[in-house]
C-alpha atoms as a PDB file:
ATOM      1  CA  UNK A   1      18.411 -68.257 -19.046  1.00  0.00           C
ATOM      2  CA  UNK A   2      15.524 -68.605 -17.549  1.00  0.00           C
ATOM      3  CA  UNK A   3      12.218 -67.558 -17.212  1.00  0.00           C
ATOM      4  CA  UNK A   4      10.989 -65.215 -15.540  1.00  0.00           C
ATOM      5  CA  UNK A   5       8.045 -65.574 -13.425  1.00  0.00           C
ATOM      6  CA  UNK A   6       5.274 -63.846 -14.972  1.00  0.00           C
ATOM      7  CA  UNK A   7       3.102 -64.034 -11.424  1.00  0.00           C
ATOM      8  CA  UNK A   8       5.935 -62.477  -9.646  1.00  0.00           C
ATOM      9  CA  UNK A   9       6.655 -59.675 -12.936  1.00  0.00           C
ATOM     10  CA  UNK A  10       2.945 -59.385 -12.619  1.00  0.00           C
ATOM     11  CA  UNK A  11       3.569 -58.235  -8.402  1.00  0.00           C
ATOM     12  CA  UNK A  12       6.734 -55.812 -10.077  1.00  0.00           C
ATOM     13  CA  UNK A  13       4.537 -53.534 -12.350  1.00  0.00           C
ATOM     14  CA  UNK A  14       1.787 -53.470  -9.685  1.00  0.00           C
ATOM     15  CA  UNK A  15       3.778 -52.221  -6.754  1.00  0.00           C
ATOM     16  CA  UNK A  16       6.263 -50.049  -9.216  1.00  0.00           C
ATOM     17  CA  UNK A  17       7.373 -46.322  -8.164  1.00  0.00           C
ATOM     18  CA  UNK A  18       5.454 -44.550 -11.438  1.00  0.00           C
ATOM     19  CA  UNK A  19       2.027 -46.577 -10.257  1.00  0.00           C
ATOM     20  CA  UNK A  20      -0.751 -44.320  -9.608  1.00  0.00           C
ATOM     21  CA  UNK A  21      -0.988 -45.518  -6.298  1.00  0.00           C
ATOM     22  CA  UNK A  22       2.242 -44.503  -5.145  1.00  0.00           C
ATOM     23  CA  UNK A  23       2.615 -41.793  -6.603  1.00  0.00           C
ATOM     24  CA  UNK A  24       1.718 -39.413  -3.704  1.00  0.00           C
ATOM     25  CA  UNK A  25       4.104 -41.344  -0.834  1.00  0.00           C
ATOM     26  CA  UNK A  26       6.843 -41.065  -4.328  1.00  0.00           C
ATOM     27  CA  UNK A  27       4.940 -37.088  -4.364  1.00  0.00           C
ATOM     28  CA  UNK A  28       5.853 -36.769  -0.173  1.00  0.00           C
ATOM     29  CA  UNK A  29       9.105 -38.079  -0.396  1.00  0.00           C
ATOM     30  CA  UNK A  30      10.513 -35.672  -3.170  1.00  0.00           C
ATOM     31  CA  UNK A  31       9.071 -32.426  -1.224  1.00  0.00           C
ATOM     32  CA  UNK A  32      10.474 -33.858   2.187  1.00  0.00           C
ATOM     33  CA  UNK A  33      14.234 -34.108  -0.182  1.00  0.00           C
ATOM     34  CA  UNK A  34      13.343 -30.579  -1.116  1.00  0.00           C
ATOM     35  CA  UNK A  35      12.778 -29.175   2.092  1.00  0.00           C
ATOM     36  CA  UNK A  36      16.269 -30.128   3.064  1.00  0.00           C
ATOM     37  CA  UNK A  37      18.049 -28.938  -0.202  1.00  0.00           C
ATOM     38  CA  UNK A  38      16.746 -26.302   0.553  1.00  0.00           C
ATOM     39  CA  UNK A  39      17.819 -25.462   4.329  1.00  0.00           C
ATOM     40  CA  UNK A  40      21.649 -27.388   3.418  1.00  0.00           C
ATOM     41  CA  UNK A  41      21.381 -24.313   1.068  1.00  0.00           C
ATOM     42  CA  UNK A  42      21.147 -22.278   3.424  1.00  0.00           C
ATOM     43  CA  UNK A  43      23.536 -23.815   6.242  1.00  0.00           C
ATOM     44  CA  UNK A  44      25.924 -22.929   3.062  1.00  0.00           C
ATOM     45  CA  UNK A  45      25.035 -19.156   2.894  1.00  0.00           C
ATOM     46  CA  UNK A  46      25.279 -18.406   6.521  1.00  0.00           C
ATOM     47  CA  UNK A  47      28.614 -20.924   6.118  1.00  0.00           C
ATOM     48  CA  UNK A  48      29.063 -18.332   3.373  1.00  0.00           C
ATOM     49  CA  UNK A  49      30.668 -20.866   1.328  1.00  0.00           C
ATOM     50  CA  UNK A  50      27.799 -19.658  -1.685  1.00  0.00           C
ATOM     51  CA  UNK A  51      26.526 -15.958  -2.068  1.00  0.00           C
ATOM     52  CA  UNK A  52      22.282 -16.301  -1.570  1.00  0.00           C
ATOM     53  CA  UNK A  53      21.212 -15.388  -4.950  1.00  0.00           C
ATOM     54  CA  UNK A  54      22.706 -18.079  -6.493  1.00  0.00           C
ATOM     55  CA  UNK A  55      20.009 -19.564  -8.573  1.00  0.00           C
ATOM     56  CA  UNK A  56      22.055 -22.075 -10.139  1.00  0.00           C
ATOM     57  CA  UNK A  57      23.357 -23.578  -6.837  1.00  0.00           C
ATOM     58  CA  UNK A  58      19.657 -23.115  -5.126  1.00  0.00           C
ATOM     59  CA  UNK A  59      18.594 -25.104  -7.644  1.00  0.00           C
ATOM     60  CA  UNK A  60      21.622 -27.865  -8.236  1.00  0.00           C
ATOM     61  CA  UNK A  61      21.741 -28.797  -4.632  1.00  0.00           C
ATOM     62  CA  UNK A  62      17.254 -29.113  -4.516  1.00  0.00           C
ATOM     63  CA  UNK A  63      17.698 -31.154  -7.889  1.00  0.00           C
ATOM     64  CA  UNK A  64      20.541 -33.479  -5.865  1.00  0.00           C
ATOM     65  CA  UNK A  65      18.892 -33.661  -3.097  1.00  0.00           C
ATOM     66  CA  UNK A  66      15.497 -35.076  -4.884  1.00  0.00           C
ATOM     67  CA  UNK A  67      17.286 -37.085  -6.641  1.00  0.00           C
ATOM     68  CA  UNK A  68      19.834 -38.714  -3.513  1.00  0.00           C
ATOM     69  CA  UNK A  69      15.701 -38.824  -1.466  1.00  0.00           C
ATOM     70  CA  UNK A  70      14.657 -41.296  -4.112  1.00  0.00           C
ATOM     71  CA  UNK A  71      17.176 -43.796  -4.657  1.00  0.00           C
ATOM     72  CA  UNK A  72      16.398 -43.273  -0.704  1.00  0.00           C
ATOM     73  CA  UNK A  73      12.850 -44.067  -0.321  1.00  0.00           C
ATOM     74  CA  UNK A  74      13.561 -46.686  -3.287  1.00  0.00           C
ATOM     75  CA  UNK A  75      16.620 -48.859  -1.034  1.00  0.00           C
ATOM     76  CA  UNK A  76      14.135 -48.150   1.815  1.00  0.00           C
ATOM     77  CA  UNK A  77      10.595 -49.334   0.097  1.00  0.00           C
ATOM     78  CA  UNK A  78      12.114 -52.454  -1.516  1.00  0.00           C
ATOM     79  CA  UNK A  79      13.934 -53.134   1.870  1.00  0.00           C
ATOM     80  CA  UNK A  80      10.519 -52.842   3.760  1.00  0.00           C
ATOM     81  CA  UNK A  81      11.877 -49.952   6.239  1.00  0.00           C
ATOM     82  CA  UNK A  82       9.173 -48.800   8.862  1.00  0.00           C
ATOM     83  CA  UNK A  83       7.636 -45.370   6.310  1.00  0.00           C
ATOM     84  CA  UNK A  84       9.189 -43.249   9.551  1.00  0.00           C
ATOM     85  CA  UNK A  85      11.990 -44.291   9.089  1.00  0.00           C
ATOM     86  CA  UNK A  86      11.739 -44.154   5.645  1.00  0.00           C
ATOM     87  CA  UNK A  87      10.878 -40.475   5.649  1.00  0.00           C
ATOM     88  CA  UNK A  88      13.754 -39.294   8.156  1.00  0.00           C
ATOM     89  CA  UNK A  89      16.471 -41.022   5.292  1.00  0.00           C
ATOM     90  CA  UNK A  90      15.384 -39.318   2.770  1.00  0.00           C
ATOM     91  CA  UNK A  91      15.974 -36.508   5.681  1.00  0.00           C
ATOM     92  CA  UNK A  92      18.531 -36.932   5.744  1.00  0.00           C
ATOM     93  CA  UNK A  93      20.183 -38.297   2.766  1.00  0.00           C
ATOM     94  CA  UNK A  94      17.899 -34.896   0.988  1.00  0.00           C
ATOM     95  CA  UNK A  95      19.874 -32.569   3.147  1.00  0.00           C
ATOM     96  CA  UNK A  96      23.133 -34.575   2.140  1.00  0.00           C
ATOM     97  CA  UNK A  97      22.751 -34.317  -1.313  1.00  0.00           C
ATOM     98  CA  UNK A  98      25.868 -34.668  -3.155  1.00  0.00           C
ATOM     99  CA  UNK A  99      27.888 -35.869  -0.588  1.00  0.00           C
ATOM    100  CA  UNK A 100      25.379 -39.306  -0.044  1.00  0.00           C
ATOM    101  CA  UNK A 101      25.786 -40.171  -3.585  1.00  0.00           C
ATOM    102  CA  UNK A 102      29.929 -39.742  -3.438  1.00  0.00           C
ATOM    103  CA  UNK A 103      29.997 -42.149   0.319  1.00  0.00           C
ATOM    104  CA  UNK A 104      27.473 -44.516  -1.322  1.00  0.00           C
ATOM    105  CA  UNK A 105      29.752 -44.217  -4.645  1.00  0.00           C
ATOM    106  CA  UNK A 106      32.697 -45.023  -2.021  1.00  0.00           C
ATOM    107  CA  UNK A 107      30.891 -48.906   0.034  1.00  0.00           C
ATOM    108  CA  UNK A 108      29.842 -49.650  -3.985  1.00  0.00           C
ATOM    109  CA  UNK A 109      33.284 -49.472  -5.252  1.00  0.00           C
ATOM    110  CA  UNK A 110      34.616 -50.956  -1.711  1.00  0.00           C
ATOM    111  CA  UNK A 111      32.666 -53.630  -2.232  1.00  0.00           C
ATOM    112  CA  UNK A 112      33.020 -54.395  -5.580  1.00  0.00           C
ATOM    113  CA  UNK A 113      37.298 -55.025  -5.217  1.00  0.00           C
ATOM    114  CA  UNK A 114      37.076 -57.202  -3.144  1.00  0.00           C
END
């Protein structure tokens, strides 16, 4: 097995998602995801799919949206996508919530089954 290059490892550690300089953008993406999840919950209430005061459903929607939004943010960051496109992608996938996870799962299964 090849030995990892210490310089590459240093760059990865210094630019990781939990480094102090990256916390503020990460928190912004969490906020965008949470707002998108709240909007998704609101649409479900309007469509009659959930009750308005279902706190468990609301919290689940927000948590799922935040996780999906963070994963989207990290993928975009890794691909060096423009920050405005990244924010848009985070908002869209945050609104999609569990559907985004399901779509990604299908994509990975399709790629792995070849």
